[in-house]
């Protein structure tokens, strides 16, 4: 599901950049946003003439947990015992590397414009969104300079014009669930 998320973001941004500015990527039949394909172990090598999309962190979101996360009631009234869904936040970085610095800034500006107008990606405005995901919410993160320096230090790369987004509600749920007995009337037992 993580790869589906990144492919969806890449394709959405590529469509926007191609439609609004007519940009093409460094490789024929690819858009201006690409994934890493470097095998260098000592550092990150961003593609020249492209925006590189990469996942920098994942975190579990504990804020929206149901009261009984192990029980799900189906539309027919029966209940199933399931492992609770894991709601994840993905931190994705769009980093632009172009020969002309201004071109990278224009590309980053267009990405910023896209997600300012479409902070929520749902099935209505993004038909390619997986059926397992209800919606994605993108939140622009602005890191202090010290944290930005640490991020690029961890990536072992020189700073490039970039945007960091927190993508909320990537849900992981098991496919099969075991049935649980239906509760028809509550039983209260008090022991002395």
Protein backbone atom coordinates (compact mmCIF):
# COMPACT_ATOMS: atom_id res chain seq x y z
CA UNK A 1 0.00 0.00 0.00
CA UNK A 2 2.91 2.39 0.60
CA UNK A 3 4.11 1.95 -2.96
CA UNK A 4 0.54 2.57 -4.21
CA UNK A 5 0.49 5.83 -2.23
CA UNK A 6 3.79 7.05 -3.69
CA UNK A 7 2.81 6.06 -7.24
CA UNK A 8 -0.51 7.89 -6.82
CA UNK A 9 1.25 11.05 -5.60
CA UNK A 10 3.82 10.85 -8.41
CA UNK A 11 1.14 10.41 -11.08
CA UNK A 12 -1.07 13.17 -9.65
CA UNK A 13 1.79 15.67 -9.59
CA UNK A 14 3.02 14.59 -13.04
CA UNK A 15 -0.45 15.16 -14.51
CA UNK A 16 -0.60 18.62 -12.93
CA UNK A 17 2.88 19.68 -14.04
CA UNK A 18 2.36 18.38 -17.57
CA UNK A 19 -1.07 20.02 -17.89
CA UNK A 20 -0.18 23.37 -16.34
CA UNK A 21 3.35 23.89 -17.67
CA UNK A 22 3.83 21.23 -20.35
CA UNK A 23 6.85 19.82 -18.50
CA UNK A 24 8.34 16.50 -19.42
CA UNK A 25 10.76 14.47 -17.39
CA UNK A 26 14.40 13.66 -18.11
CA UNK A 27 13.38 10.18 -19.33
CA UNK A 28 10.96 9.86 -22.29
CA UNK A 29 7.44 8.69 -21.35
CA UNK A 30 7.97 9.76 -17.72
CA UNK A 31 6.80 12.92 -16.06
CA UNK A 32 8.99 15.41 -14.23
CA UNK A 33 8.46 13.61 -10.89
CA UNK A 34 10.48 10.42 -10.49
CA UNK A 35 11.59 7.94 -7.86
CA UNK A 36 15.16 7.27 -6.79
CA UNK A 37 17.03 4.66 -8.78
CA UNK A 38 20.47 5.21 -7.36
CA UNK A 39 22.51 2.33 -6.02
CA UNK A 40 24.98 4.60 -4.29
CA UNK A 41 25.33 3.50 -0.68
CA UNK A 42 27.18 6.59 0.48
CA UNK A 43 24.57 9.21 -0.36
CA UNK A 44 21.41 10.17 -2.10
CA UNK A 45 21.64 11.07 -5.76
CA UNK A 46 18.71 13.12 -6.99
CA UNK A 47 17.92 12.96 -10.70
CA UNK A 48 19.03 16.00 -12.64
CA UNK A 49 16.16 17.73 -14.45
CA UNK A 50 13.48 16.15 -12.29
CA UNK A 51 11.65 16.31 -9.00
CA UNK A 52 12.47 13.29 -6.86
CA UNK A 53 9.73 11.92 -4.62
CA UNK A 54 10.85 9.94 -1.60
CA UNK A 55 9.43 8.61 1.63
CA UNK A 56 11.36 9.97 4.61
CA UNK A 57 9.30 8.58 7.50
CA UNK A 58 6.21 6.64 8.56
CA UNK A 59 4.37 7.01 11.86
CA UNK A 60 1.28 5.42 13.34
CA UNK A 61 -1.52 7.88 14.08
CA UNK A 62 -3.13 7.02 17.43
CA UNK A 63 -5.58 9.94 17.56
CA UNK A 64 -8.58 8.33 15.83
CA UNK A 65 -8.94 4.89 17.41
CA UNK A 66 -12.44 3.39 17.82
CA UNK A 67 -13.74 2.54 21.31
CA UNK A 68 -13.44 -1.22 20.70
CA UNK A 69 -10.82 -1.50 17.97
CA UNK A 70 -11.01 -5.32 17.91
CA UNK A 71 -14.72 -5.54 17.04
CA UNK A 72 -16.40 -4.52 13.79
CA UNK A 73 -20.17 -4.57 13.25
CA UNK A 74 -21.17 -5.51 9.70
CA UNK A 75 -24.24 -4.07 7.91
CA UNK A 76 -26.26 -7.25 8.62
CA UNK A 77 -25.77 -6.79 12.38
CA UNK A 78 -23.18 -9.50 12.88
CA UNK A 79 -19.87 -8.71 14.47
CA UNK A 80 -16.40 -9.78 13.55
CA UNK A 81 -13.28 -9.85 15.63
CA UNK A 82 -10.44 -8.13 13.80
CA UNK A 83 -7.08 -6.65 14.46
CA UNK A 84 -7.49 -2.87 14.58
CA UNK A 85 -6.64 -0.94 11.45
CA UNK A 86 -3.31 0.85 11.51
CA UNK A 87 -3.68 4.45 10.49
CA UNK A 88 -0.39 5.75 9.19
CA UNK A 89 1.05 9.13 8.39
CA UNK A 90 3.61 9.14 5.60
CA UNK A 91 6.16 11.92 5.34
CA UNK A 92 7.04 12.48 1.68
CA UNK A 93 9.62 14.83 0.25
CA UNK A 94 9.52 16.43 -3.20
CA UNK A 95 13.06 17.61 -4.03
CA UNK A 96 13.77 19.49 -7.27
CA UNK A 97 17.18 19.30 -8.94
CA UNK A 98 17.58 21.26 -12.14
CA UNK A 99 20.54 22.88 -13.91
CA UNK A 100 18.67 26.17 -13.72
CA UNK A 101 17.79 26.94 -10.11
CA UNK A 102 14.78 29.00 -11.21
CA UNK A 103 13.28 26.01 -13.02
CA UNK A 104 13.40 23.95 -9.82
CA UNK A 105 11.70 26.75 -7.91
CA UNK A 106 8.94 26.98 -10.54
CA UNK A 107 8.38 23.23 -10.33
CA UNK A 108 8.19 23.33 -6.51
CA UNK A 109 5.78 26.29 -6.76
CA UNK A 110 3.47 24.31 -9.05
CA UNK A 111 3.45 21.36 -6.64
CA UNK A 112 2.67 23.75 -3.78
CA UNK A 113 -0.15 25.25 -5.84
CA UNK A 114 -1.58 21.79 -6.61
CA UNK A 115 -1.78 20.65 -3.00
CA UNK A 116 -2.94 24.05 -1.75
CA UNK A 117 -5.98 23.63 -4.00
CA UNK A 118 -6.40 19.90 -3.35
CA UNK A 119 -5.44 19.24 0.26
CA UNK A 120 -7.72 16.20 0.32
CA UNK A 121 -7.43 13.42 -2.25
CA UNK A 122 -10.58 11.30 -2.30
CA UNK A 123 -12.36 9.05 -4.79
CA UNK A 124 -14.24 11.99 -6.28
CA UNK A 125 -11.25 14.15 -7.23
CA UNK A 126 -8.71 11.31 -7.56
CA UNK A 127 -10.31 8.28 -9.28
CA UNK A 128 -7.03 6.33 -9.14
CA UNK A 129 -7.14 6.25 -5.31
CA UNK A 130 -7.17 2.68 -4.00
CA UNK A 131 -10.52 1.36 -2.76
CA UNK A 132 -8.83 0.45 0.54
CA UNK A 133 -8.19 4.13 1.27
CA UNK A 134 -11.10 6.49 1.93
CA UNK A 135 -9.11 9.68 1.53
CA UNK A 136 -5.67 11.22 1.93
CA UNK A 137 -5.04 14.58 3.54
CA UNK A 138 -1.84 16.43 2.70
CA UNK A 139 -0.36 18.86 5.18
CA UNK A 140 2.66 20.98 4.28
CA UNK A 141 5.36 20.81 6.95
CA UNK A 142 7.78 23.67 7.44
CA UNK A 143 10.78 22.49 9.39
CA UNK A 144 13.03 24.81 11.40
CA UNK A 145 16.47 25.26 9.80
CA UNK A 146 18.18 22.96 12.30
CA UNK A 147 15.75 20.09 11.56
CA UNK A 148 15.97 20.76 7.83
CA UNK A 149 19.75 20.50 8.13
CA UNK A 150 19.39 17.20 10.00
CA UNK A 151 17.02 15.81 7.36
CA UNK A 152 19.38 16.61 4.49
CA UNK A 153 22.29 15.33 6.60
CA UNK A 154 20.54 11.99 7.08
CA UNK A 155 19.90 11.87 3.32
CA UNK A 156 23.63 12.62 2.78
CA UNK A 157 22.87 15.13 0.09
CA UNK A 158 23.23 18.84 -0.49
CA UNK A 159 20.08 20.85 0.08
CA UNK A 160 17.80 21.26 -2.94
CA UNK A 161 14.53 23.23 -3.23
CA UNK A 162 12.00 20.92 -1.65
CA UNK A 163 8.61 20.45 -0.02
CA UNK A 164 7.86 18.09 2.85
CA UNK A 165 4.28 16.83 3.21
CA UNK A 166 2.62 14.79 5.91
CA UNK A 167 0.10 12.48 4.21
CA UNK A 168 -2.55 11.45 6.74
CA UNK A 169 -4.71 8.34 6.89
CA UNK A 170 -2.96 5.63 5.01
CA UNK A 171 -4.95 2.71 6.49
CA UNK A 172 -3.63 -0.82 6.75
CA UNK A 173 -6.29 -3.43 7.50
CA UNK A 174 -6.13 -7.21 7.37
CA UNK A 175 -8.15 -8.80 4.57
CA UNK A 176 -9.67 -11.75 6.45
CA UNK A 177 -11.41 -11.47 9.80
CA UNK A 178 -12.68 -14.17 12.11
CA UNK A 179 -16.32 -14.08 13.15
CA UNK A 180 -17.31 -13.25 16.69
CA UNK A 181 -20.56 -14.26 18.36
CA UNK A 182 -23.36 -11.75 17.95
CA UNK A 183 -24.44 -10.11 21.20
CA UNK A 184 -28.22 -10.46 21.49
CA UNK A 185 -28.65 -9.39 25.10
CA UNK A 186 -26.09 -8.22 27.60
CA UNK A 187 -25.35 -10.43 30.58
CA UNK A 188 -24.30 -8.79 33.83
CA UNK A 189 -22.73 -10.97 36.49
CA UNK A 190 -21.88 -9.64 39.92
CA UNK A 191 -19.73 -11.75 42.18
CA UNK A 192 -19.82 -11.20 45.93
